[in-house]
């Protein structure tokens, strides 16, 4: 019995020592966060800031036109009769050549209304990540097969993008008050 008591006492002592060590390190970390190292003036004097310069890519971006943009709209057979007609009657009229619709069903009527820009992805209409990735891969493949510079993904057909041309140069591509996000 004396041996068991000795083992229990040793375990308790080791546990207390370990807890004390943890508390010590935690306090040390907390204190280092409270007192961060200060930057000395001598550290700052050696810094050099290079002047901003215009690069070719920035100049190229300034010369982007509507024809440089590939607009991809992901939709599904469930929304083609309700949401798609609104898009076709509104902003699609401003960017017919640039806008492509990616769906999960063949629809000759919509194929005709979009001037052949309705692509059946042969992916499921499910919103599971695997099926959304399937559609997105078809979108990327179509974009990569073009010579377009910019890809605009309308992730949901409820988000209505606006393309604002100024003197045939794109000022910006924006969406209504909502932000685009990954739909998976």
N, C-alpha and C. Protein backbone atom coordinates (compact mmCIF):
# COMPACT_ATOMS: atom_id res chain seq x y z
N UNK A 1 0.81 -1.20 0.00
CA UNK A 1 0.00 0.00 0.00
C UNK A 1 0.85 1.25 0.00
N UNK A 2 2.00 1.20 0.65
CA UNK A 2 2.85 2.36 0.72
C UNK A 2 3.39 2.74 -0.65
N UNK A 3 3.60 1.73 -1.50
CA UNK A 3 4.11 1.97 -2.84
C UNK A 3 3.10 2.71 -3.72
N UNK A 4 1.83 2.35 -3.54
CA UNK A 4 0.78 3.03 -4.32
C UNK A 4 0.66 4.48 -3.92
N UNK A 5 0.74 4.74 -2.63
CA UNK A 5 0.66 6.14 -2.17
C UNK A 5 1.81 6.96 -2.72
N UNK A 6 2.96 6.36 -2.74
CA UNK A 6 4.14 7.04 -3.26
C UNK A 6 3.97 7.35 -4.75
N UNK A 7 3.44 6.41 -5.51
CA UNK A 7 3.21 6.62 -6.95
C UNK A 7 2.18 7.72 -7.16
N UNK A 8 1.08 7.69 -6.39
CA UNK A 8 0.05 8.72 -6.50
C UNK A 8 0.61 10.10 -6.17
N UNK A 9 1.43 10.16 -5.13
CA UNK A 9 2.02 11.44 -4.73
C UNK A 9 2.96 11.95 -5.83
N UNK A 10 3.71 11.04 -6.44
CA UNK A 10 4.61 11.44 -7.52
C UNK A 10 3.83 11.94 -8.73
N UNK A 11 2.73 11.29 -9.06
CA UNK A 11 1.88 11.72 -10.19
C UNK A 11 1.30 13.10 -9.91
N UNK A 12 0.81 13.31 -8.69
CA UNK A 12 0.26 14.63 -8.34
C UNK A 12 1.35 15.69 -8.41
N UNK A 13 2.53 15.39 -7.90
CA UNK A 13 3.64 16.35 -7.92
C UNK A 13 4.04 16.68 -9.36
N UNK A 14 4.15 15.66 -10.21
CA UNK A 14 4.48 15.89 -11.62
C UNK A 14 3.39 16.71 -12.32
N UNK A 15 2.14 16.42 -12.03
CA UNK A 15 1.03 17.17 -12.64
C UNK A 15 1.08 18.62 -12.23
N UNK A 16 1.32 18.89 -10.94
CA UNK A 16 1.41 20.26 -10.46
C UNK A 16 2.60 20.98 -11.08
N UNK A 17 3.72 20.29 -11.20
CA UNK A 17 4.91 20.90 -11.82
C UNK A 17 4.64 21.23 -13.29
N UNK A 18 3.98 20.32 -13.99
CA UNK A 18 3.65 20.53 -15.40
C UNK A 18 2.70 21.72 -15.55
N UNK A 19 1.67 21.79 -14.70
CA UNK A 19 0.72 22.91 -14.74
C UNK A 19 1.43 24.23 -14.44
N UNK A 20 2.34 24.20 -13.49
CA UNK A 20 3.11 25.41 -13.17
C UNK A 20 3.96 25.86 -14.35
N UNK A 21 4.58 24.89 -15.04
CA UNK A 21 5.39 25.20 -16.21
C UNK A 21 4.52 25.80 -17.32
N UNK A 22 3.34 25.24 -17.54
CA UNK A 22 2.43 25.78 -18.55
C UNK A 22 2.00 27.20 -18.19
N UNK A 23 1.69 27.43 -16.92
CA UNK A 23 1.27 28.78 -16.49
C UNK A 23 2.41 29.77 -16.67
N UNK A 24 3.64 29.36 -16.38
CA UNK A 24 4.80 30.22 -16.54
C UNK A 24 4.97 30.62 -18.01
N UNK A 25 4.91 29.65 -18.92
CA UNK A 25 5.07 29.94 -20.35
C UNK A 25 3.92 30.80 -20.88
N UNK A 26 2.72 30.54 -20.39
CA UNK A 26 1.57 31.33 -20.83
C UNK A 26 1.74 32.78 -20.40
N UNK A 27 2.19 33.00 -19.18
CA UNK A 27 2.41 34.37 -18.69
C UNK A 27 3.52 35.04 -19.49
N UNK A 28 4.55 34.29 -19.83
CA UNK A 28 5.65 34.85 -20.61
C UNK A 28 5.16 35.28 -22.01
N UNK A 29 4.35 34.45 -22.65
CA UNK A 29 3.79 34.78 -23.97
C UNK A 29 2.89 36.00 -23.86
N UNK A 30 2.03 36.04 -22.83
CA UNK A 30 1.12 37.17 -22.65
C UNK A 30 1.89 38.47 -22.46
N UNK A 31 2.94 38.44 -21.66
CA UNK A 31 3.75 39.64 -21.42
C UNK A 31 4.45 40.10 -22.70
N UNK A 32 4.89 39.15 -23.51
CA UNK A 32 5.56 39.55 -24.75
C UNK A 32 4.57 40.21 -25.71
N UNK A 33 3.30 39.84 -25.65
CA UNK A 33 2.28 40.48 -26.49
C UNK A 33 1.93 41.86 -25.96
N UNK A 34 1.98 42.03 -24.63
CA UNK A 34 1.68 43.33 -24.04
C UNK A 34 2.78 44.34 -24.32
N UNK A 35 4.00 43.88 -24.40
CA UNK A 35 5.15 44.75 -24.63
C UNK A 35 5.85 44.38 -25.93
N UNK A 36 5.25 44.71 -27.06
CA UNK A 36 5.89 44.36 -28.33
C UNK A 36 7.16 45.18 -28.52
N UNK A 37 8.10 44.68 -29.30
CA UNK A 37 9.33 45.43 -29.53
C UNK A 37 9.02 46.73 -30.27
N UNK A 38 9.70 47.78 -29.88
CA UNK A 38 9.49 49.10 -30.49
C UNK A 38 10.42 49.30 -31.67
N UNK A 39 9.94 49.99 -32.68
CA UNK A 39 10.77 50.32 -33.83
C UNK A 39 11.51 51.61 -33.51
N UNK A 40 12.80 51.57 -33.67
CA UNK A 40 13.63 52.74 -33.40
C UNK A 40 13.69 53.62 -34.65
N UNK A 41 13.91 54.91 -34.44
CA UNK A 41 14.04 55.83 -35.57
C UNK A 41 15.17 55.40 -36.50
N UNK A 42 16.21 54.83 -35.93
CA UNK A 42 17.35 54.41 -36.76
C UNK A 42 16.95 53.28 -37.71
N UNK A 43 15.96 52.47 -37.32
CA UNK A 43 15.50 51.39 -38.19
C UNK A 43 14.77 51.93 -39.41
N UNK A 44 14.09 53.05 -39.25
CA UNK A 44 13.27 53.61 -40.32
C UNK A 44 14.09 54.41 -41.31
N UNK A 45 15.17 55.01 -40.88
CA UNK A 45 15.94 55.88 -41.78
C UNK A 45 16.57 55.11 -42.93
N UNK A 46 16.79 53.81 -42.77
CA UNK A 46 17.42 53.02 -43.82
C UNK A 46 16.43 52.54 -44.88
N UNK A 47 15.15 52.71 -44.64
CA UNK A 47 14.15 52.25 -45.60
C UNK A 47 14.09 53.16 -46.81
N UNK A 48 13.96 52.56 -47.97
CA UNK A 48 13.79 53.34 -49.19
C UNK A 48 12.46 52.96 -49.82
N UNK A 49 11.73 53.95 -50.26
CA UNK A 49 10.46 53.70 -50.93
C UNK A 49 10.62 54.10 -52.39
N UNK A 50 10.47 53.11 -53.26
CA UNK A 50 10.63 53.37 -54.69
C UNK A 50 9.40 54.10 -55.21
N UNK A 51 9.58 55.04 -56.12
CA UNK A 51 8.42 55.74 -56.68
C UNK A 51 7.56 54.78 -57.50
N UNK A 52 6.26 55.02 -57.46
CA UNK A 52 5.34 54.19 -58.22
C UNK A 52 5.53 54.44 -59.70
N UNK A 53 5.53 53.38 -60.48
CA UNK A 53 5.68 53.54 -61.92
C UNK A 53 4.56 52.80 -62.64
N UNK A 54 4.22 53.28 -63.79
CA UNK A 54 3.19 52.64 -64.58
C UNK A 54 3.81 51.50 -65.37
N UNK A 55 3.26 50.33 -65.21
CA UNK A 55 3.79 49.18 -65.94
C UNK A 55 2.97 48.92 -67.18
N UNK A 56 3.48 48.05 -68.02
CA UNK A 56 2.75 47.71 -69.24
C UNK A 56 1.41 47.06 -68.92
N UNK A 57 1.38 46.27 -67.84
CA UNK A 57 0.12 45.62 -67.49
C UNK A 57 -0.93 46.64 -67.08
N UNK A 58 -0.52 47.68 -66.37
CA UNK A 58 -1.48 48.72 -66.00
C UNK A 58 -1.97 49.45 -67.24
N UNK A 59 -1.07 49.74 -68.15
CA UNK A 59 -1.48 50.40 -69.39
C UNK A 59 -2.42 49.50 -70.18
N UNK A 60 -2.12 48.21 -70.18
CA UNK A 60 -2.96 47.26 -70.91
C UNK A 60 -4.36 47.22 -70.29
N UNK A 61 -4.42 47.28 -68.96
CA UNK A 61 -5.70 47.26 -68.28
C UNK A 61 -6.53 48.49 -68.62
N UNK A 62 -5.86 49.63 -68.79
CA UNK A 62 -6.57 50.85 -69.14
C UNK A 62 -7.20 50.75 -70.52
N UNK A 63 -6.65 49.93 -71.39
CA UNK A 63 -7.15 49.80 -72.75
C UNK A 63 -8.10 48.62 -72.92
N UNK A 64 -8.64 48.11 -71.84
CA UNK A 64 -9.56 46.99 -71.91
C UNK A 64 -10.90 47.47 -72.45
N UNK A 65 -11.42 46.72 -73.42
CA UNK A 65 -12.72 47.06 -73.99
C UNK A 65 -13.72 45.96 -73.65
N UNK A 66 -14.94 46.19 -74.00
CA UNK A 66 -16.00 45.22 -73.74
C UNK A 66 -15.68 43.88 -74.42
N UNK A 67 -15.04 43.94 -75.56
CA UNK A 67 -14.69 42.71 -76.28
C UNK A 67 -13.62 41.89 -75.57
N UNK A 68 -12.97 42.45 -74.55
CA UNK A 68 -11.95 41.73 -73.79
C UNK A 68 -12.53 40.95 -72.62
N UNK A 69 -13.84 41.06 -72.40
CA UNK A 69 -14.47 40.47 -71.22
C UNK A 69 -15.31 39.25 -71.60
N UNK A 70 -15.18 38.20 -70.81
CA UNK A 70 -15.99 36.99 -70.95
C UNK A 70 -16.90 36.96 -69.73
N UNK A 71 -18.20 37.11 -69.94
CA UNK A 71 -19.15 37.10 -68.83
C UNK A 71 -19.80 35.72 -68.79
N UNK A 72 -19.66 35.06 -67.66
CA UNK A 72 -20.18 33.71 -67.48
C UNK A 72 -21.31 33.75 -66.46
N UNK A 73 -22.47 33.24 -66.85
CA UNK A 73 -23.63 33.20 -65.95
C UNK A 73 -23.99 31.74 -65.71
N UNK A 74 -23.89 31.33 -64.46
CA UNK A 74 -24.24 29.96 -64.09
C UNK A 74 -25.73 29.92 -63.75
N UNK A 75 -26.46 29.00 -64.37
CA UNK A 75 -27.89 28.87 -64.09
C UNK A 75 -28.25 27.39 -64.08
N UNK A 76 -29.52 27.11 -63.88
CA UNK A 76 -30.01 25.73 -63.85
C UNK A 76 -31.41 25.69 -64.44
N UNK A 77 -31.84 24.50 -64.83
CA UNK A 77 -33.16 24.36 -65.45
C UNK A 77 -34.27 24.87 -64.53
N UNK A 78 -34.02 24.84 -63.23
CA UNK A 78 -35.04 25.29 -62.28
C UNK A 78 -35.31 26.79 -62.38
N UNK A 79 -34.35 27.57 -62.88
CA UNK A 79 -34.49 29.03 -62.92
C UNK A 79 -34.54 29.61 -64.32
N UNK A 80 -34.40 28.76 -65.33
CA UNK A 80 -34.36 29.28 -66.70
C UNK A 80 -35.64 29.99 -67.12
N UNK A 81 -36.77 29.59 -66.58
CA UNK A 81 -38.03 30.23 -66.98
C UNK A 81 -38.39 31.43 -66.13
N UNK A 82 -37.72 31.62 -65.00
CA UNK A 82 -38.06 32.76 -64.14
C UNK A 82 -36.98 33.83 -64.14
N UNK A 83 -35.74 33.46 -63.90
CA UNK A 83 -34.66 34.45 -63.78
C UNK A 83 -34.03 34.81 -65.12
N UNK A 84 -33.87 33.83 -65.98
CA UNK A 84 -33.18 34.06 -67.25
C UNK A 84 -33.86 35.09 -68.14
N UNK A 85 -35.20 35.08 -68.27
CA UNK A 85 -35.84 36.10 -69.12
C UNK A 85 -35.54 37.54 -68.68
N UNK A 86 -35.40 37.76 -67.39
CA UNK A 86 -35.09 39.11 -66.89
C UNK A 86 -33.70 39.53 -67.38
N UNK A 87 -32.75 38.63 -67.27
CA UNK A 87 -31.39 38.94 -67.72
C UNK A 87 -31.37 39.17 -69.23
N UNK A 88 -32.08 38.33 -69.97
CA UNK A 88 -32.09 38.45 -71.43
C UNK A 88 -32.71 39.77 -71.89
N UNK A 89 -33.66 40.29 -71.13
CA UNK A 89 -34.32 41.55 -71.51
C UNK A 89 -33.55 42.78 -71.03
N UNK A 90 -32.65 42.61 -70.08
CA UNK A 90 -31.97 43.79 -69.51
C UNK A 90 -30.51 43.84 -69.96
N UNK A 91 -29.57 43.60 -69.08
CA UNK A 91 -28.16 43.86 -69.37
C UNK A 91 -27.57 42.95 -70.44
N UNK A 92 -28.17 41.80 -70.70
CA UNK A 92 -27.67 40.94 -71.76
C UNK A 92 -27.70 41.66 -73.11
N UNK A 93 -28.65 42.57 -73.27
CA UNK A 93 -28.76 43.32 -74.52
C UNK A 93 -27.52 44.19 -74.77
N UNK A 94 -26.82 44.56 -73.70
CA UNK A 94 -25.62 45.39 -73.83
C UNK A 94 -24.35 44.59 -74.09
N UNK A 95 -24.40 43.29 -73.82
CA UNK A 95 -23.17 42.47 -73.95
C UNK A 95 -23.50 41.08 -74.48
N UNK A 96 -24.21 41.03 -75.59
CA UNK A 96 -24.63 39.74 -76.15
C UNK A 96 -23.45 38.86 -76.56
N UNK A 97 -22.45 39.47 -77.18
CA UNK A 97 -21.30 38.69 -77.66
C UNK A 97 -20.43 38.19 -76.52
N UNK A 98 -20.45 38.88 -75.41
CA UNK A 98 -19.54 38.58 -74.30
C UNK A 98 -20.15 37.64 -73.27
N UNK A 99 -21.46 37.46 -73.27
CA UNK A 99 -22.15 36.72 -72.21
C UNK A 99 -22.46 35.29 -72.63
N UNK A 100 -22.09 34.37 -71.77
CA UNK A 100 -22.36 32.95 -71.99
C UNK A 100 -23.11 32.41 -70.77
N UNK A 101 -24.09 31.56 -71.02
CA UNK A 101 -24.89 30.96 -69.96
C UNK A 101 -24.53 29.47 -69.86
N UNK A 102 -24.27 29.02 -68.64
CA UNK A 102 -23.89 27.63 -68.40
C UNK A 102 -24.99 26.98 -67.58
N UNK A 103 -25.60 25.95 -68.12
CA UNK A 103 -26.77 25.34 -67.51
C UNK A 103 -26.62 23.82 -67.52
N UNK A 104 -27.66 23.13 -67.07
CA UNK A 104 -27.61 21.68 -66.97
C UNK A 104 -28.62 20.99 -67.87
N UNK A 105 -29.16 21.72 -68.85
CA UNK A 105 -30.18 21.14 -69.73
C UNK A 105 -30.11 21.80 -71.10
N UNK A 106 -30.49 21.07 -72.13
CA UNK A 106 -30.59 21.66 -73.47
C UNK A 106 -31.94 22.33 -73.60
N UNK A 107 -31.95 23.58 -74.05
CA UNK A 107 -33.19 24.31 -74.25
C UNK A 107 -33.08 25.08 -75.57
N UNK A 108 -33.68 24.56 -76.64
CA UNK A 108 -33.56 25.21 -77.96
C UNK A 108 -34.06 26.65 -77.96
N UNK A 109 -35.10 26.96 -77.19
CA UNK A 109 -35.62 28.33 -77.15
C UNK A 109 -34.56 29.28 -76.60
N UNK A 110 -33.99 28.93 -75.45
CA UNK A 110 -32.97 29.79 -74.85
C UNK A 110 -31.69 29.80 -75.68
N UNK A 111 -31.38 28.70 -76.32
CA UNK A 111 -30.22 28.64 -77.21
C UNK A 111 -30.38 29.68 -78.32
N UNK A 112 -31.60 29.81 -78.83
CA UNK A 112 -31.89 30.78 -79.88
C UNK A 112 -31.86 32.21 -79.33
N UNK A 113 -32.44 32.43 -78.15
CA UNK A 113 -32.50 33.77 -77.56
C UNK A 113 -31.12 34.30 -77.17
N UNK A 114 -30.19 33.40 -76.90
CA UNK A 114 -28.84 33.83 -76.50
C UNK A 114 -27.85 33.78 -77.65
N UNK A 115 -28.34 33.63 -78.86
CA UNK A 115 -27.47 33.55 -80.05
C UNK A 115 -26.47 32.40 -79.94
N UNK A 116 -26.92 31.27 -79.41
CA UNK A 116 -26.05 30.11 -79.29
C UNK A 116 -25.10 30.16 -78.11
N UNK A 117 -25.33 31.06 -77.18
CA UNK A 117 -24.44 31.21 -76.02
C UNK A 117 -24.97 30.48 -74.79
N UNK A 118 -25.76 29.44 -74.99
CA UNK A 118 -26.27 28.62 -73.89
C UNK A 118 -25.53 27.29 -73.95
N UNK A 119 -24.74 26.99 -72.92
CA UNK A 119 -23.90 25.79 -72.90
C UNK A 119 -24.45 24.80 -71.89
N UNK A 120 -24.74 23.59 -72.35
CA UNK A 120 -25.14 22.53 -71.44
C UNK A 120 -23.86 21.91 -70.89
N UNK A 121 -23.66 22.01 -69.59
CA UNK A 121 -22.43 21.51 -68.96
C UNK A 121 -22.45 20.00 -68.76
N UNK A 122 -23.64 19.40 -68.90
CA UNK A 122 -23.82 17.98 -68.61
C UNK A 122 -23.46 17.66 -67.16
N UNK A 123 -23.61 18.65 -66.29
CA UNK A 123 -23.40 18.47 -64.85
C UNK A 123 -24.77 18.43 -64.18
N UNK A 124 -24.81 17.91 -62.99
CA UNK A 124 -26.06 17.83 -62.24
C UNK A 124 -26.57 19.22 -61.87
N UNK A 125 -27.88 19.33 -61.63
CA UNK A 125 -28.45 20.61 -61.20
C UNK A 125 -28.34 20.79 -59.68
N UNK A 126 -27.67 19.88 -59.02
CA UNK A 126 -27.48 19.95 -57.58
C UNK A 126 -26.55 21.10 -57.20
N UNK A 127 -26.68 21.58 -55.98
CA UNK A 127 -25.80 22.64 -55.50
C UNK A 127 -24.70 22.08 -54.59
N UNK A 128 -24.41 20.81 -54.74
CA UNK A 128 -23.30 20.23 -54.00
C UNK A 128 -22.00 20.71 -54.61
N UNK A 129 -20.98 20.79 -53.79
CA UNK A 129 -19.69 21.32 -54.23
C UNK A 129 -19.18 20.60 -55.47
N UNK A 130 -19.28 19.30 -55.51
CA UNK A 130 -18.78 18.51 -56.64
C UNK A 130 -19.46 18.94 -57.94
N UNK A 131 -20.76 19.19 -57.90
CA UNK A 131 -21.50 19.52 -59.11
C UNK A 131 -21.28 20.97 -59.51
N UNK A 132 -21.12 21.86 -58.53
CA UNK A 132 -20.81 23.25 -58.85
C UNK A 132 -19.40 23.36 -59.44
N UNK A 133 -18.48 22.55 -58.94
CA UNK A 133 -17.13 22.54 -59.50
C UNK A 133 -17.15 22.01 -60.93
N UNK A 134 -18.01 21.05 -61.20
CA UNK A 134 -18.15 20.53 -62.56
C UNK A 134 -18.55 21.65 -63.50
N UNK A 135 -19.57 22.43 -63.11
CA UNK A 135 -20.01 23.55 -63.96
C UNK A 135 -18.91 24.59 -64.11
N UNK A 136 -18.23 24.88 -63.00
CA UNK A 136 -17.19 25.90 -63.07
C UNK A 136 -16.05 25.46 -63.98
N UNK A 137 -15.73 24.18 -63.99
CA UNK A 137 -14.65 23.72 -64.87
C UNK A 137 -15.04 23.91 -66.33
N UNK A 138 -16.31 23.73 -66.66
CA UNK A 138 -16.76 23.97 -68.04
C UNK A 138 -16.68 25.46 -68.35
N UNK A 139 -17.03 26.31 -67.37
CA UNK A 139 -16.92 27.76 -67.56
C UNK A 139 -15.46 28.15 -67.85
N UNK A 140 -14.54 27.65 -67.03
CA UNK A 140 -13.12 27.96 -67.23
C UNK A 140 -12.62 27.46 -68.58
N UNK A 141 -13.03 26.25 -68.96
CA UNK A 141 -12.60 25.71 -70.25
C UNK A 141 -13.04 26.61 -71.40
N UNK A 142 -14.29 27.08 -71.35
CA UNK A 142 -14.77 27.96 -72.41
C UNK A 142 -14.02 29.29 -72.41
N UNK A 143 -13.77 29.82 -71.22
CA UNK A 143 -13.01 31.08 -71.14
C UNK A 143 -11.60 30.90 -71.71
N UNK A 144 -10.94 29.81 -71.34
CA UNK A 144 -9.57 29.58 -71.79
C UNK A 144 -9.48 29.34 -73.30
N UNK A 145 -10.58 28.90 -73.90
CA UNK A 145 -10.60 28.70 -75.35
C UNK A 145 -10.77 30.00 -76.12
N UNK A 146 -10.96 31.11 -75.42
CA UNK A 146 -11.11 32.41 -76.07
C UNK A 146 -9.83 33.21 -75.93
N UNK A 147 -9.83 34.39 -76.52
CA UNK A 147 -8.68 35.29 -76.36
C UNK A 147 -9.03 36.44 -75.41
N UNK A 148 -10.06 36.25 -74.58
CA UNK A 148 -10.51 37.29 -73.66
C UNK A 148 -9.49 37.50 -72.54
N UNK A 149 -9.43 38.73 -72.03
CA UNK A 149 -8.48 39.07 -70.97
C UNK A 149 -9.08 38.91 -69.57
N UNK A 150 -10.38 39.15 -69.45
CA UNK A 150 -11.03 39.15 -68.14
C UNK A 150 -12.18 38.16 -68.11
N UNK A 151 -12.31 37.47 -67.00
CA UNK A 151 -13.43 36.56 -66.79
C UNK A 151 -14.28 37.12 -65.67
N UNK A 152 -15.57 37.34 -65.96
CA UNK A 152 -16.50 37.79 -64.93
C UNK A 152 -17.45 36.64 -64.67
N UNK A 153 -17.49 36.15 -63.44
CA UNK A 153 -18.37 35.05 -63.07
C UNK A 153 -19.58 35.59 -62.33
N UNK A 154 -20.75 35.46 -62.94
CA UNK A 154 -21.99 35.76 -62.22
C UNK A 154 -22.38 34.44 -61.56
N UNK A 155 -22.09 34.32 -60.29
CA UNK A 155 -22.24 33.05 -59.59
C UNK A 155 -23.69 32.64 -59.46
N UNK A 156 -24.55 33.59 -59.28
CA UNK A 156 -25.97 33.30 -59.18
C UNK A 156 -26.72 34.19 -60.17
N UNK A 157 -27.81 33.67 -60.70
CA UNK A 157 -28.58 34.47 -61.65
C UNK A 157 -29.36 35.57 -60.96
N UNK A 158 -29.36 35.59 -59.63
CA UNK A 158 -30.03 36.69 -58.93
C UNK A 158 -29.12 37.90 -58.83
N UNK A 159 -27.82 37.72 -59.08
CA UNK A 159 -26.89 38.84 -59.09
C UNK A 159 -26.85 39.39 -60.50
N UNK A 160 -27.14 40.64 -60.64
CA UNK A 160 -27.20 41.22 -61.98
C UNK A 160 -25.98 42.11 -62.18
N UNK A 161 -25.04 41.70 -63.02
CA UNK A 161 -23.88 42.54 -63.26
C UNK A 161 -24.21 43.69 -64.19
N UNK A 162 -23.51 44.78 -64.04
CA UNK A 162 -23.66 45.91 -64.95
C UNK A 162 -22.31 46.17 -65.59
N UNK A 163 -22.31 46.30 -66.87
CA UNK A 163 -21.09 46.67 -67.58
C UNK A 163 -21.27 48.11 -68.01
N UNK A 164 -20.36 48.97 -67.58
CA UNK A 164 -20.51 50.39 -67.85
C UNK A 164 -19.48 50.83 -68.87
N UNK A 165 -19.87 50.97 -70.14
CA UNK A 165 -18.90 51.43 -71.13
C UNK A 165 -18.78 52.95 -71.14
N UNK A 166 -17.57 53.45 -71.21
CA UNK A 166 -17.34 54.88 -71.35
C UNK A 166 -16.41 55.05 -72.53
N UNK A 167 -16.90 55.67 -73.60
CA UNK A 167 -16.12 55.82 -74.83
C UNK A 167 -15.55 54.47 -75.29
N UNK A 168 -16.36 53.45 -75.21
CA UNK A 168 -16.00 52.09 -75.61
C UNK A 168 -14.85 51.51 -74.80
N UNK A 169 -14.59 52.08 -73.64
CA UNK A 169 -13.60 51.53 -72.72
C UNK A 169 -14.33 51.18 -71.44
N UNK A 170 -14.04 50.02 -70.92
CA UNK A 170 -14.74 49.59 -69.71
C UNK A 170 -14.20 50.36 -68.51
N UNK A 171 -15.11 51.07 -67.85
CA UNK A 171 -14.72 51.77 -66.64
C UNK A 171 -14.67 50.79 -65.48
N UNK A 172 -15.69 49.96 -65.41
CA UNK A 172 -15.69 48.96 -64.34
C UNK A 172 -16.74 47.91 -64.62
N UNK A 173 -16.56 46.80 -64.01
CA UNK A 173 -17.56 45.75 -64.05
C UNK A 173 -17.99 45.56 -62.61
N UNK A 174 -19.23 45.90 -62.33
CA UNK A 174 -19.71 45.83 -60.96
C UNK A 174 -20.99 45.02 -60.91
N UNK A 175 -21.32 44.63 -59.72
CA UNK A 175 -22.58 43.95 -59.51
C UNK A 175 -23.45 44.87 -58.69
N UNK A 176 -24.73 44.51 -58.57
CA UNK A 176 -25.59 45.33 -57.74
C UNK A 176 -25.06 45.29 -56.31
N UNK A 177 -25.82 45.71 -55.35
CA UNK A 177 -25.31 45.94 -54.00
C UNK A 177 -24.74 44.71 -53.31
N UNK A 178 -24.89 43.53 -53.87
CA UNK A 178 -24.36 42.32 -53.25
C UNK A 178 -22.97 42.01 -53.76
N UNK A 179 -22.19 41.32 -52.96
CA UNK A 179 -20.84 40.92 -53.34
C UNK A 179 -20.89 39.51 -53.92
N UNK A 180 -20.00 39.27 -54.88
CA UNK A 180 -19.89 37.93 -55.45
C UNK A 180 -19.16 37.04 -54.45
N UNK A 181 -19.56 35.80 -54.38
CA UNK A 181 -18.86 34.87 -53.50
C UNK A 181 -18.94 33.47 -54.11
N UNK A 182 -18.07 32.62 -53.66
CA UNK A 182 -18.04 31.25 -54.15
C UNK A 182 -19.30 30.56 -53.69
N UNK A 183 -19.99 29.93 -54.60
CA UNK A 183 -21.31 29.38 -54.30
C UNK A 183 -21.27 28.00 -53.68
N UNK A 184 -20.12 27.38 -53.68
CA UNK A 184 -20.06 26.02 -53.13
C UNK A 184 -20.21 26.10 -51.65
